């Protein structure tokens, strides 16, 4: 999957009225959560705060955005998000199970109804034996967690921007499905 070009999450123009890219999904998510009286928290690794930035670019985000944890170092995924150290040792930081644990952990630790997580390899070099563009995203709401594996290509910036776009889309799926 190649990341589209143009303004997107974490890029200039994201979240601005009339902006192309991910401003619209972020705004939709903020509005949906606000209407339900729910909140969101994010746990980020490869995106380094871009997901939080995409959400907080939206006016009114303070009504629903609890906060974010950038746990770039593997050890911090355990310390700050409660990801099991044995899981990290066995699978590394880039796995579906770690993404799932990050999403649930950030929601729990920051007191949010919804948690979102990103972990992966932005590149340009491989990490943990996984090629650049290997990404896992997760969204958690109550007992339900959705996890998606992405195989992205492009520059480091393109991989990170595409991860944010895909994470917003996944969170929208779980929030729309929630009753």
C-alpha atoms as a PDB file:
ATOM      1  CA  UNK A   1       0.000   0.000   0.000  1.00  0.00           C
ATOM      2  CA  UNK A   2       1.439   3.342  -0.977  1.00  0.00           C
ATOM      3  CA  UNK A   3       0.649   6.382   1.106  1.00  0.00           C
ATOM      4  CA  UNK A   4      -1.236   9.050  -0.815  1.00  0.00           C
ATOM      5  CA  UNK A   5       0.358  12.454  -1.156  1.00  0.00           C
ATOM      6  CA  UNK A   6      -1.070  15.751  -0.033  1.00  0.00           C
ATOM      7  CA  UNK A   7      -2.112  17.125   3.320  1.00  0.00           C
ATOM      8  CA  UNK A   8      -2.840  14.352   5.758  1.00  0.00           C
ATOM      9  CA  UNK A   9      -2.725  13.595   9.430  1.00  0.00           C
ATOM     10  CA  UNK A  10       0.185  15.310  11.056  1.00  0.00           C
ATOM     11  CA  UNK A  11       0.879  17.440   8.001  1.00  0.00           C
ATOM     12  CA  UNK A  12       0.099  21.103   7.420  1.00  0.00           C
ATOM     13  CA  UNK A  13      -3.563  21.553   6.679  1.00  0.00           C
ATOM     14  CA  UNK A  14      -4.735  18.512   8.639  1.00  0.00           C
ATOM     15  CA  UNK A  15      -7.799  19.301  10.683  1.00  0.00           C
ATOM     16  CA  UNK A  16      -8.336  22.721   9.146  1.00  0.00           C
ATOM     17  CA  UNK A  17     -11.783  23.451   7.762  1.00  0.00           C
ATOM     18  CA  UNK A  18     -11.947  22.372   4.150  1.00  0.00           C
ATOM     19  CA  UNK A  19      -8.587  20.606   4.331  1.00  0.00           C
ATOM     20  CA  UNK A  20      -8.088  17.458   2.316  1.00  0.00           C
ATOM     21  CA  UNK A  21      -6.763  14.291   3.933  1.00  0.00           C
ATOM     22  CA  UNK A  22      -7.466  13.244   7.487  1.00  0.00           C
ATOM     23  CA  UNK A  23      -8.934  16.425   8.911  1.00  0.00           C
ATOM     24  CA  UNK A  24     -12.424  15.155   8.091  1.00  0.00           C
ATOM     25  CA  UNK A  25     -12.088  11.719   9.805  1.00  0.00           C
ATOM     26  CA  UNK A  26     -10.463  13.290  12.873  1.00  0.00           C
ATOM     27  CA  UNK A  27     -13.247  15.875  13.069  1.00  0.00           C
ATOM     28  CA  UNK A  28     -15.882  13.180  12.596  1.00  0.00           C
ATOM     29  CA  UNK A  29     -14.325  11.115  15.376  1.00  0.00           C
ATOM     30  CA  UNK A  30     -14.165  14.065  17.776  1.00  0.00           C
ATOM     31  CA  UNK A  31     -17.801  14.967  17.033  1.00  0.00           C
ATOM     32  CA  UNK A  32     -18.988  11.368  17.446  1.00  0.00           C
ATOM     33  CA  UNK A  33     -17.192  10.930  20.765  1.00  0.00           C
ATOM     34  CA  UNK A  34     -18.445  14.304  22.031  1.00  0.00           C
ATOM     35  CA  UNK A  35     -22.037  13.441  21.119  1.00  0.00           C
ATOM     36  CA  UNK A  36     -21.715  10.208  23.115  1.00  0.00           C
ATOM     37  CA  UNK A  37     -19.908  11.775  26.044  1.00  0.00           C
ATOM     38  CA  UNK A  38     -16.911   9.507  25.480  1.00  0.00           C
ATOM     39  CA  UNK A  39     -13.186  10.119  25.513  1.00  0.00           C
ATOM     40  CA  UNK A  40     -10.119   8.852  23.663  1.00  0.00           C
ATOM     41  CA  UNK A  41      -6.448   8.300  24.509  1.00  0.00           C
ATOM     42  CA  UNK A  42      -3.644   7.279  22.170  1.00  0.00           C
ATOM     43  CA  UNK A  43      -0.464   5.201  22.505  1.00  0.00           C
ATOM     44  CA  UNK A  44       2.069   5.837  19.787  1.00  0.00           C
ATOM     45  CA  UNK A  45       5.384   4.402  18.793  1.00  0.00           C
ATOM     46  CA  UNK A  46       6.377   4.938  15.159  1.00  0.00           C
ATOM     47  CA  UNK A  47       4.005   7.894  14.735  1.00  0.00           C
ATOM     48  CA  UNK A  48       5.689   9.779  17.582  1.00  0.00           C
ATOM     49  CA  UNK A  49       2.721  11.963  18.479  1.00  0.00           C
ATOM     50  CA  UNK A  50       1.258  12.500  15.000  1.00  0.00           C
ATOM     51  CA  UNK A  51      -1.984  10.727  15.884  1.00  0.00           C
ATOM     52  CA  UNK A  52      -2.445  12.906  18.958  1.00  0.00           C
ATOM     53  CA  UNK A  53      -1.654  15.966  16.829  1.00  0.00           C
ATOM     54  CA  UNK A  54      -4.245  14.981  14.202  1.00  0.00           C
ATOM     55  CA  UNK A  55      -6.903  14.711  16.900  1.00  0.00           C
ATOM     56  CA  UNK A  56      -5.955  17.869  18.761  1.00  0.00           C
ATOM     57  CA  UNK A  57      -5.868  19.874  15.518  1.00  0.00           C
ATOM     58  CA  UNK A  58      -9.667  19.610  15.590  1.00  0.00           C
ATOM     59  CA  UNK A  59     -11.474  22.441  17.408  1.00  0.00           C
ATOM     60  CA  UNK A  60     -13.300  21.004  20.407  1.00  0.00           C
ATOM     61  CA  UNK A  61     -10.879  18.108  20.853  1.00  0.00           C
ATOM     62  CA  UNK A  62     -10.334  19.066  24.478  1.00  0.00           C
ATOM     63  CA  UNK A  63     -13.836  17.800  25.261  1.00  0.00           C
ATOM     64  CA  UNK A  64     -12.858  14.220  24.378  1.00  0.00           C
ATOM     65  CA  UNK A  65      -9.072  13.864  24.095  1.00  0.00           C
ATOM     66  CA  UNK A  66      -7.630  12.588  27.396  1.00  0.00           C
ATOM     67  CA  UNK A  67      -4.004  12.455  26.300  1.00  0.00           C
ATOM     68  CA  UNK A  68      -1.359  10.389  24.629  1.00  0.00           C
ATOM     69  CA  UNK A  69       1.711   8.355  25.429  1.00  0.00           C
ATOM     70  CA  UNK A  70       4.614   8.235  23.007  1.00  0.00           C
ATOM     71  CA  UNK A  71       6.334   5.007  24.008  1.00  0.00           C
ATOM     72  CA  UNK A  72       9.060   4.832  21.392  1.00  0.00           C
ATOM     73  CA  UNK A  73      11.390   2.650  23.448  1.00  0.00           C
ATOM     74  CA  UNK A  74      10.245  -0.939  23.904  1.00  0.00           C
ATOM     75  CA  UNK A  75      10.758  -0.786  27.689  1.00  0.00           C
ATOM     76  CA  UNK A  76       8.339   2.149  27.950  1.00  0.00           C
ATOM     77  CA  UNK A  77       5.564   0.098  26.381  1.00  0.00           C
ATOM     78  CA  UNK A  78       5.754  -2.084  29.501  1.00  0.00           C
ATOM     79  CA  UNK A  79       6.389   0.676  32.042  1.00  0.00           C
ATOM     80  CA  UNK A  80       3.875   3.257  30.818  1.00  0.00           C
ATOM     81  CA  UNK A  81       1.239   1.169  29.024  1.00  0.00           C
ATOM     82  CA  UNK A  82       1.318  -2.114  30.927  1.00  0.00           C
ATOM     83  CA  UNK A  83       2.330  -4.257  27.944  1.00  0.00           C
ATOM     84  CA  UNK A  84       3.505  -7.600  29.290  1.00  0.00           C
ATOM     85  CA  UNK A  85       7.322  -7.800  29.312  1.00  0.00           C
ATOM     86  CA  UNK A  86       7.186 -11.484  28.340  1.00  0.00           C
ATOM     87  CA  UNK A  87       5.097 -10.580  25.277  1.00  0.00           C
ATOM     88  CA  UNK A  88       7.596  -7.899  24.285  1.00  0.00           C
ATOM     89  CA  UNK A  89      10.507 -10.324  24.779  1.00  0.00           C
ATOM     90  CA  UNK A  90       8.820 -13.051  22.743  1.00  0.00           C
ATOM     91  CA  UNK A  91       7.380 -10.996  19.894  1.00  0.00           C
ATOM     92  CA  UNK A  92       9.181  -7.691  19.928  1.00  0.00           C
ATOM     93  CA  UNK A  93       7.449  -4.336  19.860  1.00  0.00           C
ATOM     94  CA  UNK A  94       6.066  -4.752  16.348  1.00  0.00           C
ATOM     95  CA  UNK A  95       3.205  -7.229  16.569  1.00  0.00           C
ATOM     96  CA  UNK A  96      -0.565  -7.414  16.601  1.00  0.00           C
ATOM     97  CA  UNK A  97      -0.588  -8.513  20.238  1.00  0.00           C
ATOM     98  CA  UNK A  98       1.549  -5.560  21.335  1.00  0.00           C
ATOM     99  CA  UNK A  99      -0.666  -3.106  19.420  1.00  0.00           C
ATOM    100  CA  UNK A 100      -3.713  -4.641  21.128  1.00  0.00           C
ATOM    101  CA  UNK A 101      -2.108  -4.339  24.566  1.00  0.00           C
ATOM    102  CA  UNK A 102      -1.024  -0.746  23.892  1.00  0.00           C
ATOM    103  CA  UNK A 103      -4.564   0.326  22.904  1.00  0.00           C
ATOM    104  CA  UNK A 104      -6.153  -1.295  25.936  1.00  0.00           C
ATOM    105  CA  UNK A 105      -3.392  -0.109  28.228  1.00  0.00           C
ATOM    106  CA  UNK A 106      -3.606   3.542  27.228  1.00  0.00           C
ATOM    107  CA  UNK A 107      -7.407   3.573  27.562  1.00  0.00           C
ATOM    108  CA  UNK A 108      -7.136   2.025  31.014  1.00  0.00           C
ATOM    109  CA  UNK A 109      -4.263   4.150  32.294  1.00  0.00           C
ATOM    110  CA  UNK A 110      -5.617   7.445  30.973  1.00  0.00           C
ATOM    111  CA  UNK A 111      -9.254   6.718  31.840  1.00  0.00           C
ATOM    112  CA  UNK A 112     -10.647   6.852  28.312  1.00  0.00           C
ATOM    113  CA  UNK A 113     -13.550   4.975  26.730  1.00  0.00           C
ATOM    114  CA  UNK A 114     -11.526   4.464  23.549  1.00  0.00           C
ATOM    115  CA  UNK A 115      -7.848   3.682  23.082  1.00  0.00           C
ATOM    116  CA  UNK A 116      -5.837   3.749  19.871  1.00  0.00           C
ATOM    117  CA  UNK A 117      -2.312   2.493  19.248  1.00  0.00           C
ATOM    118  CA  UNK A 118       0.363   2.507  16.558  1.00  0.00           C
ATOM    119  CA  UNK A 119       3.512   0.393  16.450  1.00  0.00           C
ATOM    120  CA  UNK A 120       5.728  -0.528  13.549  1.00  0.00           C
ATOM    121  CA  UNK A 121       8.772   0.161  11.440  1.00  0.00           C
ATOM    122  CA  UNK A 122       8.837   3.581   9.772  1.00  0.00           C
ATOM    123  CA  UNK A 123      12.191   2.918   8.098  1.00  0.00           C
ATOM    124  CA  UNK A 124      14.233   3.396   6.185  1.00  0.00           C
ATOM    125  CA  UNK A 125      15.945   0.378   7.757  1.00  0.00           C
ATOM    126  CA  UNK A 126      14.309  -2.839   8.980  1.00  0.00           C
ATOM    127  CA  UNK A 127      13.843  -3.392  12.725  1.00  0.00           C
ATOM    128  CA  UNK A 128      13.342  -6.601  14.690  1.00  0.00           C
ATOM    129  CA  UNK A 129      13.703  -8.517  11.431  1.00  0.00           C
ATOM    130  CA  UNK A 130      10.695  -6.723   9.946  1.00  0.00           C
ATOM    131  CA  UNK A 131      10.898  -4.541   6.854  1.00  0.00           C
ATOM    132  CA  UNK A 132      10.128  -0.842   6.822  1.00  0.00           C
ATOM    133  CA  UNK A 133       6.410  -0.309   6.380  1.00  0.00           C
ATOM    134  CA  UNK A 134       5.382  -3.172   8.691  1.00  0.00           C
ATOM    135  CA  UNK A 135       2.823  -1.536  10.960  1.00  0.00           C
ATOM    136  CA  UNK A 136       0.179  -2.644  13.445  1.00  0.00           C
ATOM    137  CA  UNK A 137      -2.644  -0.372  14.550  1.00  0.00           C
ATOM    138  CA  UNK A 138      -5.275  -1.085  17.167  1.00  0.00           C
ATOM    139  CA  UNK A 139      -8.447   0.485  18.485  1.00  0.00           C
ATOM    140  CA  UNK A 140     -10.068  -0.554  21.748  1.00  0.00           C
ATOM    141  CA  UNK A 141     -13.494   0.314  23.146  1.00  0.00           C
ATOM    142  CA  UNK A 142     -14.689  -1.588  26.184  1.00  0.00           C
ATOM    143  CA  UNK A 143     -14.305  -5.316  25.639  1.00  0.00           C
ATOM    144  CA  UNK A 144     -13.780  -4.977  21.876  1.00  0.00           C
ATOM    145  CA  UNK A 145     -10.404  -4.423  20.217  1.00  0.00           C
ATOM    146  CA  UNK A 146      -9.710  -4.287  16.507  1.00  0.00           C
ATOM    147  CA  UNK A 147      -6.177  -4.789  15.208  1.00  0.00           C
ATOM    148  CA  UNK A 148      -4.973  -4.304  11.664  1.00  0.00           C
ATOM    149  CA  UNK A 149      -1.628  -5.127  10.049  1.00  0.00           C
ATOM    150  CA  UNK A 150      -0.466  -2.690   7.399  1.00  0.00           C
ATOM    151  CA  UNK A 151       2.219  -3.196   4.771  1.00  0.00           C
ATOM    152  CA  UNK A 152       3.067   0.348   3.728  1.00  0.00           C
ATOM    153  CA  UNK A 153       5.648   1.717   1.334  1.00  0.00           C
ATOM    154  CA  UNK A 154       7.205   5.059   0.685  1.00  0.00           C
ATOM    155  CA  UNK A 155       9.357   7.420   2.679  1.00  0.00           C
ATOM    156  CA  UNK A 156       9.509   7.445   6.461  1.00  0.00           C
ATOM    157  CA  UNK A 157       7.193  10.468   6.492  1.00  0.00           C
ATOM    158  CA  UNK A 158       4.745   8.789   4.103  1.00  0.00           C
ATOM    159  CA  UNK A 159       4.627   5.617   6.217  1.00  0.00           C
ATOM    160  CA  UNK A 160       3.983   7.607   9.386  1.00  0.00           C
ATOM    161  CA  UNK A 161       1.273   9.761   7.735  1.00  0.00           C
ATOM    162  CA  UNK A 162      -0.445   6.705   6.248  1.00  0.00           C
ATOM    163  CA  UNK A 163      -0.368   5.025   9.665  1.00  0.00           C
ATOM    164  CA  UNK A 164      -2.192   7.983  11.196  1.00  0.00           C
ATOM    165  CA  UNK A 165      -4.821   7.943   8.430  1.00  0.00           C
ATOM    166  CA  UNK A 166      -5.392   4.209   8.850  1.00  0.00           C
ATOM    167  CA  UNK A 167      -5.507   4.463  12.652  1.00  0.00           C
ATOM    168  CA  UNK A 168      -8.168   7.190  12.488  1.00  0.00           C
ATOM    169  CA  UNK A 169     -10.203   5.037  10.100  1.00  0.00           C
ATOM    170  CA  UNK A 170      -9.922   2.015  12.413  1.00  0.00           C
ATOM    171  CA  UNK A 171     -10.973   4.026  15.465  1.00  0.00           C
ATOM    172  CA  UNK A 172     -13.978   5.320  13.531  1.00  0.00           C
ATOM    173  CA  UNK A 173     -14.968   1.721  12.747  1.00  0.00           C
ATOM    174  CA  UNK A 174     -14.935   0.659  16.389  1.00  0.00           C
ATOM    175  CA  UNK A 175     -16.684   3.799  17.619  1.00  0.00           C
ATOM    176  CA  UNK A 176     -19.419   3.519  14.962  1.00  0.00           C
ATOM    177  CA  UNK A 177     -19.969  -0.160  15.862  1.00  0.00           C
ATOM    178  CA  UNK A 178     -20.206   0.537  19.575  1.00  0.00           C
ATOM    179  CA  UNK A 179     -23.771   0.647  20.843  1.00  0.00           C
END
